Protein backbone atom coordinates (compact mmCIF):
# COMPACT_ATOMS: atom_id res chain seq x y z
CA UNK A 1 102.49 117.69 77.47
CA UNK A 2 103.52 116.27 80.81
CA UNK A 3 106.99 117.35 81.94
CA UNK A 4 109.70 114.75 82.53
CA UNK A 5 109.18 114.49 86.29
CA UNK A 6 105.47 113.91 85.92
CA UNK A 7 106.04 111.32 83.17
CA UNK A 8 108.47 109.54 85.47
CA UNK A 9 105.92 109.56 88.28
CA UNK A 10 103.23 108.14 86.01
CA UNK A 11 105.54 105.43 84.70
CA UNK A 12 106.67 104.37 88.16
CA UNK A 13 103.13 104.33 89.51
CA UNK A 14 101.96 102.31 86.51
CA UNK A 15 104.69 99.78 87.25
CA UNK A 16 103.53 99.55 90.84
CA UNK A 17 99.95 99.03 89.75
CA UNK A 18 100.61 96.59 86.94
CA UNK A 19 103.68 94.67 88.07
CA UNK A 20 106.17 93.20 85.61
CA UNK A 21 104.47 91.84 82.52
CA UNK A 22 106.75 88.85 81.99
CA UNK A 23 107.75 87.90 85.53
CA UNK A 24 106.24 84.76 86.99
CA UNK A 25 105.60 84.29 90.71
CA UNK A 26 108.07 82.10 92.52
CA UNK A 27 106.60 78.80 93.61
CA UNK A 28 105.31 79.18 97.17
CA UNK A 29 107.49 77.34 99.67
CA UNK A 30 105.31 75.95 102.45
CA UNK A 31 108.31 74.71 104.42
CA UNK A 32 110.14 76.75 107.01
CA UNK A 33 112.73 78.71 105.00
CA UNK A 34 116.45 78.37 105.69
CA UNK A 35 116.79 82.15 105.77
CA UNK A 36 114.42 85.04 106.45
CA UNK A 37 114.66 87.67 103.70
CA UNK A 38 113.34 91.11 104.68
CA UNK A 39 112.47 93.83 102.19
CA UNK A 40 112.76 97.51 103.03
CA UNK A 41 111.78 100.59 101.04
CA UNK A 42 114.48 103.03 99.91
CA UNK A 43 113.15 105.91 101.99
CA UNK A 44 116.75 107.16 102.02
CA UNK A 45 119.98 105.80 100.55
CA UNK A 46 120.34 102.02 100.79
CA UNK A 47 123.38 102.19 103.15
CA UNK A 48 121.45 104.47 105.51
CA UNK A 49 118.41 102.18 105.52
CA UNK A 50 120.62 99.13 106.16
CA UNK A 51 122.47 100.87 109.00
CA UNK A 52 119.32 102.03 110.72
CA UNK A 53 117.71 98.58 110.57
CA UNK A 54 120.72 96.52 111.65
CA UNK A 55 119.54 96.25 115.30
CA UNK A 56 116.22 94.75 114.17
CA UNK A 57 117.98 92.35 111.80
CA UNK A 58 120.29 91.18 114.59
CA UNK A 59 117.37 90.76 117.00
CA UNK A 60 115.39 88.64 114.52
CA UNK A 61 118.43 86.50 113.72
CA UNK A 62 118.95 85.74 117.42
CA UNK A 63 115.25 85.23 118.15
CA UNK A 64 114.51 82.99 115.14
CA UNK A 65 117.89 81.20 115.27
CA UNK A 66 118.38 81.54 111.53
CA UNK A 67 120.15 83.89 109.08
CA UNK A 68 118.28 87.11 108.37
CA UNK A 69 119.03 89.12 105.23
CA UNK A 70 117.89 92.68 104.60
CA UNK A 71 117.25 93.81 101.02
CA UNK A 72 116.62 97.45 100.08
CA UNK A 73 114.75 97.83 96.81
CA UNK A 74 115.85 100.15 94.01
CA UNK A 75 112.49 101.89 94.42
CA UNK A 76 109.20 101.33 96.25
CA UNK A 77 107.68 99.27 93.43
CA UNK A 78 110.73 96.99 93.31
CA UNK A 79 110.39 96.11 97.00
CA UNK A 80 106.66 95.42 96.84
CA UNK A 81 106.97 93.40 93.62
CA UNK A 82 109.77 91.31 95.13
CA UNK A 83 107.39 90.46 97.98
CA UNK A 84 104.58 89.72 95.56
CA UNK A 85 106.74 87.35 93.48
CA UNK A 86 108.18 85.48 96.46
CA UNK A 87 111.72 86.89 96.44
CA UNK A 88 111.14 88.34 99.92
CA UNK A 89 109.50 86.67 102.91
CA UNK A 90 108.34 89.86 104.67
CA UNK A 91 108.51 93.54 103.84
CA UNK A 92 107.92 96.84 105.62
CA UNK A 93 105.52 98.69 103.34
CA UNK A 94 103.98 102.12 103.50
CA UNK A 95 100.18 102.24 103.22
CA UNK A 96 100.15 103.25 99.53
CA UNK A 97 102.77 100.66 98.54
CA UNK A 98 100.81 97.98 100.38
CA UNK A 99 97.48 99.08 98.88
CA UNK A 100 98.79 99.08 95.32
CA UNK A 101 100.51 95.71 95.56
CA UNK A 102 97.74 93.97 97.50
CA UNK A 103 95.49 94.53 94.48
CA UNK A 104 97.58 91.88 92.72
CA UNK A 105 98.66 89.48 95.48
CA UNK A 106 97.42 87.90 98.68
CA UNK A 107 99.62 89.90 101.03
CA UNK A 108 99.04 89.62 104.77
CA UNK A 109 99.79 92.52 107.14
CA UNK A 110 100.81 91.39 110.61
CA UNK A 111 102.46 94.17 112.64
CA UNK A 112 102.93 97.93 112.79
CA UNK A 113 104.80 100.28 115.12
CA UNK A 114 102.97 102.20 117.83
CA UNK A 115 104.32 105.43 119.32
CA UNK A 116 103.96 107.23 122.62
CA UNK A 117 101.08 109.71 122.55
CA UNK A 118 99.97 109.11 118.95
CA UNK A 119 99.63 105.34 118.62
CA UNK A 120 100.23 103.66 115.22
CA UNK A 121 100.35 106.87 113.18
CA UNK A 122 102.87 109.33 111.81
CA UNK A 123 102.77 112.50 109.70
CA UNK A 124 104.00 113.93 106.45
CA UNK A 125 104.98 117.56 106.19
CA UNK A 126 105.33 120.19 103.49
CA UNK A 127 108.39 122.40 103.92
CA UNK A 128 109.66 125.53 102.18
CA UNK A 129 112.98 127.39 102.22
CA UNK A 130 113.23 129.56 105.32
CA UNK A 131 113.23 132.72 103.19
CA UNK A 132 110.10 131.71 101.25
CA UNK A 133 107.25 134.20 101.23
CA UNK A 134 104.69 131.37 101.32
CA UNK A 135 102.53 131.40 104.43
CA UNK A 136 99.98 128.81 103.34
CA UNK A 137 99.72 125.99 100.83
CA UNK A 138 97.68 128.28 98.57
CA UNK A 139 100.79 130.45 98.21
CA UNK A 140 102.57 127.58 96.42
CA UNK A 141 100.35 127.94 93.35
CA UNK A 142 102.45 128.11 90.20
CA UNK A 143 105.57 126.72 91.85
CA UNK A 144 107.56 123.52 91.56
CA UNK A 145 107.07 121.08 94.46
CA UNK A 146 109.37 118.14 95.14
CA UNK A 147 108.13 114.70 96.14
CA UNK A 148 109.78 111.36 96.87
CA UNK A 149 108.95 108.01 95.31
CA UNK A 150 105.65 107.99 93.36
CA UNK A 151 104.36 105.17 95.62
CA UNK A 152 105.45 106.83 98.88
CA UNK A 153 102.63 107.63 101.29
CA UNK A 154 104.32 110.46 103.19
CA UNK A 155 106.64 111.44 100.33
CA UNK A 156 103.96 111.86 97.65
CA UNK A 157 100.35 110.89 98.36
CA UNK A 158 99.75 112.55 101.73
CA UNK A 159 101.33 115.86 100.62
CA UNK A 160 99.40 115.73 97.35
CA UNK A 161 96.20 115.20 99.35
CA UNK A 162 97.11 118.19 101.56
CA UNK A 163 97.54 120.35 98.46
CA UNK A 164 94.32 119.01 96.92
CA UNK A 165 92.48 119.80 100.15
CA UNK A 166 93.54 123.44 99.62
CA UNK A 167 92.39 123.36 95.98
CA UNK A 168 95.79 122.80 94.34
CA UNK A 169 95.95 120.09 91.67
CA UNK A 170 99.17 118.64 90.28
CA UNK A 171 99.81 119.64 86.67
CA UNK A 172 97.30 122.48 86.84
CA UNK A 173 98.31 124.52 89.88
CA UNK A 174 101.87 123.32 90.52
CA UNK A 175 104.62 121.31 88.88
CA UNK A 176 105.34 117.93 90.46
CA UNK A 177 109.04 117.05 90.63
CA UNK A 178 109.96 113.46 91.51
CA UNK A 179 113.19 113.09 93.51
CA UNK A 180 112.76 109.52 94.79
CA UNK A 181 113.74 109.80 98.47
CA UNK A 182 112.87 111.91 101.49
CA UNK A 183 116.40 113.17 102.09
CA UNK A 184 116.68 114.29 98.46
CA UNK A 185 113.48 116.30 98.86
CA UNK A 186 114.74 117.97 102.04
CA UNK A 187 118.04 118.90 100.40
CA UNK A 188 116.28 120.33 97.34
CA UNK A 189 114.27 122.63 99.61
CA UNK A 190 117.31 123.61 101.70
CA UNK A 191 119.23 124.50 98.54
CA UNK A 192 116.36 126.51 97.05
CA UNK A 193 115.94 124.20 94.05
CA UNK A 194 112.16 123.97 94.51
CA UNK A 195 109.42 126.10 96.00
CA UNK A 196 108.46 123.39 98.49
CA UNK A 197 108.79 119.70 99.24
CA UNK A 198 106.68 116.95 100.79
CA UNK A 199 108.26 114.29 102.98
CA UNK A 200 107.99 112.22 106.14
CA UNK A 201 108.06 114.40 109.25
CA UNK A 202 109.94 111.78 111.33
CA UNK A 203 112.62 111.58 108.64
CA UNK A 204 112.89 115.38 108.48
CA UNK A 205 113.29 115.52 112.26
CA UNK A 206 116.00 112.86 112.18
CA UNK A 207 117.88 114.58 109.35
CA UNK A 208 117.90 117.75 111.45
CA UNK A 209 118.97 115.85 114.59
CA UNK A 210 121.86 114.18 112.71
CA UNK A 211 123.03 117.53 111.34
CA UNK A 212 122.30 116.64 107.71
CA UNK A 213 119.77 119.47 107.39
CA UNK A 214 120.23 122.96 108.84
CA UNK A 215 116.94 123.81 110.62
CA UNK A 216 117.60 127.50 110.00
CA UNK A 217 117.24 126.92 106.25
CA UNK A 218 113.80 125.29 106.19
CA UNK A 219 110.36 126.08 107.52
CA UNK A 220 107.36 123.78 107.98
CA UNK A 221 104.39 125.12 106.06
CA UNK A 222 101.85 122.45 107.02
CA UNK A 223 101.83 119.02 108.63
CA UNK A 224 99.51 116.32 107.35
CA UNK A 225 96.69 114.67 109.30
CA UNK A 226 97.74 111.46 111.09
CA UNK A 227 98.75 108.75 108.63
CA UNK A 228 98.31 105.02 109.42
CA UNK A 229 101.76 103.60 110.10
CA UNK A 230 103.80 101.39 107.80
CA UNK A 231 102.92 97.71 108.06
CA UNK A 232 105.02 94.57 108.18
CA UNK A 233 103.59 92.21 105.59
CA UNK A 234 104.00 88.49 104.79
CA UNK A 235 104.25 87.21 101.24
CA UNK A 236 101.66 84.72 100.08
CA UNK A 237 102.49 81.03 100.53
CA UNK A 238 104.73 81.33 103.58
CA UNK A 239 104.53 78.43 106.04
CA UNK A 240 101.81 79.23 108.64
CA UNK A 241 103.86 77.93 111.57
CA UNK A 242 106.82 80.04 110.52
CA UNK A 243 104.59 83.09 110.09
CA UNK A 244 103.50 82.66 113.69
CA UNK A 245 107.14 82.55 114.83
CA UNK A 246 107.86 85.78 112.98
CA UNK A 247 104.66 87.44 114.19
CA UNK A 248 105.52 86.67 117.81
CA UNK A 249 109.08 87.88 117.32
CA UNK A 250 107.75 91.29 116.31
CA UNK A 251 104.92 91.58 118.80
CA UNK A 252 107.13 90.49 121.71
CA UNK A 253 110.20 92.60 120.94
CA UNK A 254 111.46 94.59 123.91
CA UNK A 255 114.90 95.48 122.53
CA UNK A 256 115.21 99.33 122.61
CA UNK A 257 117.71 99.30 119.74
CA UNK A 258 115.45 97.17 117.55
CA UNK A 259 112.50 99.47 118.22
CA UNK A 260 114.54 102.66 118.04
CA UNK A 261 114.61 103.24 114.29
CA UNK A 262 110.80 103.02 114.30
CA UNK A 263 110.50 105.44 117.27
CA UNK A 264 108.20 102.73 118.63
CA UNK A 265 107.14 101.66 122.08
CA UNK A 266 106.10 98.34 120.58
CA UNK A 267 104.81 96.59 117.49
CA UNK A 268 101.09 95.88 117.55
CA UNK A 269 98.92 93.67 115.30
CA UNK A 270 97.98 95.03 111.86
CA UNK A 271 95.06 94.29 109.53
CA UNK A 272 94.10 95.44 106.04
CA UNK A 273 91.46 97.92 107.26
CA UNK A 274 94.13 99.92 109.10
CA UNK A 275 94.97 101.76 105.86
CA UNK A 276 91.42 102.66 104.77
CA UNK A 277 92.01 106.38 105.40
CA UNK A 278 94.80 106.31 102.82
CA UNK A 279 92.55 104.48 100.35
CA UNK A 280 90.20 107.47 100.57
CA UNK A 281 93.06 109.89 99.84
CA UNK A 282 94.17 107.87 96.83
CA UNK A 283 90.61 107.80 95.47
CA UNK A 284 90.26 111.57 95.86
CA UNK A 285 93.54 112.29 94.06
CA UNK A 286 92.86 109.80 91.28
CA UNK A 287 89.37 111.21 90.71
CA UNK A 288 90.70 114.75 90.25
CA UNK A 289 93.63 113.55 88.14
CA UNK A 290 91.24 111.74 85.81
CA UNK A 291 89.25 114.94 85.32
CA UNK A 292 92.29 117.07 84.53
CA UNK A 293 94.54 114.59 82.67
CA UNK A 294 95.46 115.57 79.11
CA UNK A 295 93.10 118.53 79.14
CA UNK A 296 94.30 121.02 76.51
CA UNK A 297 95.65 124.33 77.73
CA UNK A 298 93.16 127.22 77.46
């Protein structure tokens, strides 16, 4: 039988894939809205996400000359579903969240951050307690590994692909523990609650820089390959002229504070094909999961 954490992961992922059964899409509003509503993923606590993104919100409000509201979803699926059903105008979605929700709605990616030296990519990382005897991912076999939200690219899918690449399959070779957010994963590793944890490397670095994580208590076991960056995405039915205003506001931003939380030199255009690498990872994990799901113990 699946343990509680794995059941929770399956349920949350099913919600992301299926969407709410009874909810009806909001009627598309082709007029320029009176307010821009932005959706953000709960990569950390909602107050932290709001604080970090306040410079961007203020920039957009001044540039567009209209109120701008930031909404942090209860989980990744909640944010993407709110975009799908017209309760948000734009949202900043990770590749997996975007891929899952775009199967059900005509979402339109329009911008993504680009960084010095690496372009529009970032990395996940798998960390262990500093005192861990593990020297490779193979050494984690039989342990409990913490992950973030089930729809998180760097908090779940990229680390799971890293483990799969080394021959470790969730439910067979390690126990998957869902903790919901990157900072929760880091703290679980620091406190020795799990054998390892997968999370966003930029978030880990910031947690260390802000003094929230003691670098002497964790050790990086393996970084992921480059991951296509998060993408800013329009909901379906938004006024085309207004979309162009928003697009230009992002692509022309020069404000260091607005770019700072994204560690970005600039925002550059984004298209659906930008996340194809992640589609391949999802397919690989799902194929193996289908082969091993509900197989009786030997």
